Amino acid sequence: MQDTRLPVLDKNGQIARVMNLADARVDKTKGVVICSTVNPAQYQSPFPQGVYHLQDYPFYYFDIRANAARRIQTYFAGNKGN
């Protein structure tokens, strides 16, 4: 069974690109990020069920990386002469 606290690895032991695995919304009242699209039973940790602190990288790394790349491309596309 895959250790769900770690990134998903491909057959060569490299980090597999996993996109759109989990949603995220901020609960401003509680000051937490809520994820509602994964099955809590699949992601065990020392935290209470549904607390995904150990899954930050496995859930969001490639999505954040792609978002940053898009933002950089957009910035440079609009600032070619600067």
N, C-alpha and C. Protein backbone atom coordinates (compact mmCIF):
# COMPACT_ATOMS: atom_id res chain seq x y z
N MET A 1 0.83 -1.18 0.00
CA MET A 1 0.00 0.00 0.00
C MET A 1 0.88 1.25 0.00
N GLN A 2 0.52 2.24 -0.82
CA GLN A 2 1.23 3.51 -0.91
C GLN A 2 1.18 4.24 0.41
N ASP A 3 2.33 4.75 0.86
CA ASP A 3 2.37 5.60 2.05
C ASP A 3 1.79 6.94 1.63
N THR A 4 0.58 7.26 2.06
CA THR A 4 -0.12 8.45 1.60
C THR A 4 0.41 9.74 2.22
N ARG A 5 1.42 9.65 3.06
CA ARG A 5 2.05 10.85 3.58
C ARG A 5 3.12 11.35 2.64
N LEU A 6 3.45 10.56 1.63
CA LEU A 6 4.52 10.90 0.70
C LEU A 6 3.96 11.11 -0.70
N PRO A 7 4.73 11.79 -1.57
CA PRO A 7 4.27 11.92 -2.96
C PRO A 7 4.07 10.56 -3.61
N VAL A 8 3.22 10.49 -4.59
CA VAL A 8 3.00 9.28 -5.36
C VAL A 8 4.22 9.08 -6.25
N LEU A 9 4.78 7.88 -6.24
CA LEU A 9 5.95 7.60 -7.06
C LEU A 9 5.57 6.77 -8.27
N ASP A 10 6.28 6.99 -9.37
CA ASP A 10 6.04 6.19 -10.57
C ASP A 10 6.85 4.89 -10.48
N LYS A 11 6.83 4.08 -11.53
CA LYS A 11 7.50 2.77 -11.50
C LYS A 11 9.02 2.88 -11.37
N ASN A 12 9.58 4.06 -11.68
CA ASN A 12 11.02 4.28 -11.57
C ASN A 12 11.41 4.93 -10.24
N GLY A 13 10.45 5.10 -9.37
CA GLY A 13 10.74 5.71 -8.08
C GLY A 13 10.80 7.22 -8.11
N GLN A 14 10.41 7.81 -9.23
CA GLN A 14 10.38 9.27 -9.35
C GLN A 14 9.00 9.78 -8.92
N ILE A 15 8.95 11.02 -8.50
CA ILE A 15 7.66 11.59 -8.12
C ILE A 15 6.77 11.66 -9.35
N ALA A 16 5.60 11.05 -9.26
CA ALA A 16 4.65 11.05 -10.36
C ALA A 16 3.89 12.37 -10.37
N ARG A 17 3.65 12.88 -11.55
CA ARG A 17 2.89 14.12 -11.69
C ARG A 17 1.41 13.80 -11.47
N VAL A 18 0.86 14.27 -10.38
CA VAL A 18 -0.55 14.07 -10.06
C VAL A 18 -1.20 15.45 -10.00
N MET A 19 -2.15 15.67 -10.88
CA MET A 19 -2.83 16.97 -10.94
C MET A 19 -4.28 16.82 -10.49
N ASN A 20 -4.80 17.87 -9.93
CA ASN A 20 -6.22 17.95 -9.56
C ASN A 20 -6.66 16.81 -8.64
N LEU A 21 -5.78 16.43 -7.74
CA LEU A 21 -6.11 15.35 -6.81
C LEU A 21 -7.11 15.80 -5.76
N ALA A 22 -6.92 17.00 -5.23
CA ALA A 22 -7.74 17.45 -4.11
C ALA A 22 -8.15 18.90 -4.29
N ASP A 23 -9.35 19.21 -3.84
CA ASP A 23 -9.78 20.60 -3.86
C ASP A 23 -9.27 21.30 -2.60
N ALA A 24 -9.47 22.59 -2.53
CA ALA A 24 -9.08 23.34 -1.33
C ALA A 24 -9.92 24.60 -1.26
N ARG A 25 -10.44 24.88 -0.08
CA ARG A 25 -11.11 26.16 0.16
C ARG A 25 -10.76 26.59 1.57
N VAL A 26 -10.71 27.88 1.77
CA VAL A 26 -10.33 28.42 3.08
C VAL A 26 -11.59 28.66 3.90
N ASP A 27 -11.59 28.12 5.11
CA ASP A 27 -12.64 28.41 6.09
C ASP A 27 -12.09 29.53 6.97
N LYS A 28 -12.49 30.76 6.68
CA LYS A 28 -11.95 31.92 7.39
C LYS A 28 -12.35 31.92 8.86
N THR A 29 -13.49 31.35 9.18
CA THR A 29 -13.93 31.30 10.57
C THR A 29 -12.98 30.45 11.42
N LYS A 30 -12.60 29.30 10.89
CA LYS A 30 -11.72 28.38 11.62
C LYS A 30 -10.24 28.62 11.32
N GLY A 31 -9.95 29.34 10.22
CA GLY A 31 -8.57 29.58 9.83
C GLY A 31 -7.88 28.34 9.31
N VAL A 32 -8.63 27.51 8.57
CA VAL A 32 -8.08 26.27 8.04
C VAL A 32 -8.44 26.10 6.57
N VAL A 33 -7.71 25.22 5.90
CA VAL A 33 -8.03 24.85 4.53
C VAL A 33 -8.87 23.59 4.59
N ILE A 34 -9.97 23.58 3.87
CA ILE A 34 -10.88 22.44 3.84
C ILE A 34 -10.71 21.72 2.50
N CYS A 35 -10.54 20.41 2.57
CA CYS A 35 -10.46 19.56 1.38
C CYS A 35 -11.63 18.58 1.45
N SER A 36 -12.47 18.61 0.42
CA SER A 36 -13.67 17.76 0.47
C SER A 36 -13.72 16.69 -0.60
N THR A 37 -12.68 16.58 -1.44
CA THR A 37 -12.78 15.66 -2.57
C THR A 37 -11.95 14.39 -2.43
N VAL A 38 -11.32 14.18 -1.30
CA VAL A 38 -10.60 12.93 -1.09
C VAL A 38 -11.29 12.11 -0.02
N ASN A 39 -11.09 10.82 -0.05
CA ASN A 39 -11.67 9.92 0.93
C ASN A 39 -10.78 9.91 2.17
N PRO A 40 -11.24 10.42 3.31
CA PRO A 40 -10.40 10.47 4.51
C PRO A 40 -9.88 9.10 4.95
N ALA A 41 -10.60 8.05 4.66
CA ALA A 41 -10.17 6.71 5.06
C ALA A 41 -8.91 6.27 4.31
N GLN A 42 -8.62 6.88 3.16
CA GLN A 42 -7.43 6.53 2.38
C GLN A 42 -6.18 7.24 2.86
N TYR A 43 -6.32 8.26 3.70
CA TYR A 43 -5.19 9.09 4.09
C TYR A 43 -5.04 9.08 5.60
N GLN A 44 -4.36 8.06 6.09
CA GLN A 44 -4.14 7.89 7.52
C GLN A 44 -2.95 8.74 7.97
N SER A 45 -3.04 9.27 9.16
CA SER A 45 -1.94 10.04 9.73
C SER A 45 -2.11 10.06 11.24
N PRO A 46 -1.12 10.60 11.96
CA PRO A 46 -1.27 10.69 13.40
C PRO A 46 -2.29 11.75 13.82
N PHE A 47 -2.74 12.56 12.87
CA PHE A 47 -3.75 13.58 13.14
C PHE A 47 -5.14 12.96 13.07
N PRO A 48 -6.15 13.65 13.58
CA PRO A 48 -7.52 13.12 13.45
C PRO A 48 -7.91 12.94 11.98
N GLN A 49 -8.83 12.02 11.73
CA GLN A 49 -9.28 11.76 10.36
C GLN A 49 -9.77 13.06 9.73
N GLY A 50 -9.35 13.29 8.50
CA GLY A 50 -9.74 14.50 7.78
C GLY A 50 -8.76 15.64 7.93
N VAL A 51 -7.74 15.49 8.78
CA VAL A 51 -6.69 16.50 8.91
C VAL A 51 -5.54 16.05 8.02
N TYR A 52 -5.21 16.86 7.01
CA TYR A 52 -4.29 16.43 5.97
C TYR A 52 -2.94 17.16 5.99
N HIS A 53 -2.44 17.54 7.15
CA HIS A 53 -1.17 18.26 7.21
C HIS A 53 -0.04 17.51 6.51
N LEU A 54 0.01 16.22 6.63
CA LEU A 54 1.08 15.44 6.02
C LEU A 54 0.90 15.29 4.51
N GLN A 55 -0.24 15.63 3.99
CA GLN A 55 -0.51 15.47 2.57
C GLN A 55 -0.39 16.77 1.78
N ASP A 56 0.10 17.83 2.37
CA ASP A 56 0.20 19.10 1.65
C ASP A 56 0.93 18.94 0.31
N TYR A 57 2.10 18.35 0.33
CA TYR A 57 2.84 18.16 -0.92
C TYR A 57 2.18 17.16 -1.84
N PRO A 58 1.82 15.97 -1.36
CA PRO A 58 1.18 15.02 -2.29
C PRO A 58 -0.10 15.56 -2.92
N PHE A 59 -0.88 16.34 -2.19
CA PHE A 59 -2.14 16.84 -2.73
C PHE A 59 -1.96 18.00 -3.71
N TYR A 60 -1.06 18.92 -3.41
CA TYR A 60 -1.08 20.21 -4.10
C TYR A 60 0.19 20.61 -4.85
N TYR A 61 1.28 19.90 -4.69
CA TYR A 61 2.56 20.34 -5.23
C TYR A 61 2.51 20.66 -6.72
N PHE A 62 2.06 19.73 -7.54
CA PHE A 62 2.10 19.95 -8.98
C PHE A 62 1.10 21.00 -9.44
N ASP A 63 -0.03 21.11 -8.75
CA ASP A 63 -0.99 22.16 -9.09
C ASP A 63 -0.41 23.55 -8.78
N ILE A 64 0.25 23.69 -7.63
CA ILE A 64 0.86 24.97 -7.26
C ILE A 64 1.99 25.29 -8.22
N ARG A 65 2.78 24.30 -8.56
CA ARG A 65 3.89 24.49 -9.49
C ARG A 65 3.38 24.96 -10.86
N ALA A 66 2.33 24.35 -11.37
CA ALA A 66 1.76 24.73 -12.67
C ALA A 66 1.17 26.14 -12.59
N ASN A 67 0.53 26.47 -11.48
CA ASN A 67 -0.04 27.80 -11.31
C ASN A 67 1.07 28.85 -11.31
N ALA A 68 2.16 28.58 -10.61
CA ALA A 68 3.28 29.53 -10.57
C ALA A 68 3.87 29.72 -11.97
N ALA A 69 4.02 28.64 -12.72
CA ALA A 69 4.55 28.74 -14.09
C ALA A 69 3.64 29.59 -14.97
N ARG A 70 2.32 29.39 -14.86
CA ARG A 70 1.37 30.20 -15.64
C ARG A 70 1.47 31.67 -15.27
N ARG A 71 1.59 31.96 -13.99
CA ARG A 71 1.69 33.36 -13.55
C ARG A 71 2.97 34.01 -14.06
N ILE A 72 4.06 33.29 -14.04
CA ILE A 72 5.33 33.83 -14.54
C ILE A 72 5.24 34.10 -16.04
N GLN A 73 4.69 33.15 -16.79
CA GLN A 73 4.54 33.33 -18.24
C GLN A 73 3.65 34.54 -18.54
N THR A 74 2.56 34.68 -17.80
CA THR A 74 1.65 35.81 -18.01
C THR A 74 2.35 37.12 -17.70
N TYR A 75 3.10 37.14 -16.61
CA TYR A 75 3.82 38.36 -16.24
C TYR A 75 4.79 38.77 -17.33
N PHE A 76 5.62 37.83 -17.77
CA PHE A 76 6.63 38.18 -18.77
C PHE A 76 6.00 38.49 -20.13
N ALA A 77 4.87 37.88 -20.45
CA ALA A 77 4.19 38.18 -21.70
C ALA A 77 3.68 39.63 -21.70
N GLY A 78 3.30 40.13 -20.54
CA GLY A 78 2.79 41.50 -20.45
C GLY A 78 3.86 42.53 -20.15
N ASN A 79 5.09 42.11 -19.91
CA ASN A 79 6.17 43.04 -19.56
C ASN A 79 7.42 42.81 -20.40
N LYS A 80 7.23 42.58 -21.69
CA LYS A 80 8.37 42.28 -22.57
C LYS A 80 9.33 43.44 -22.71
N GLY A 81 8.83 44.67 -22.67
CA GLY A 81 9.70 45.82 -22.87
C GLY A 81 10.29 46.36 -21.58
N ASN A 82 9.95 45.79 -20.46
CA ASN A 82 10.42 46.35 -19.18
C ASN A 82 11.64 45.64 -18.67
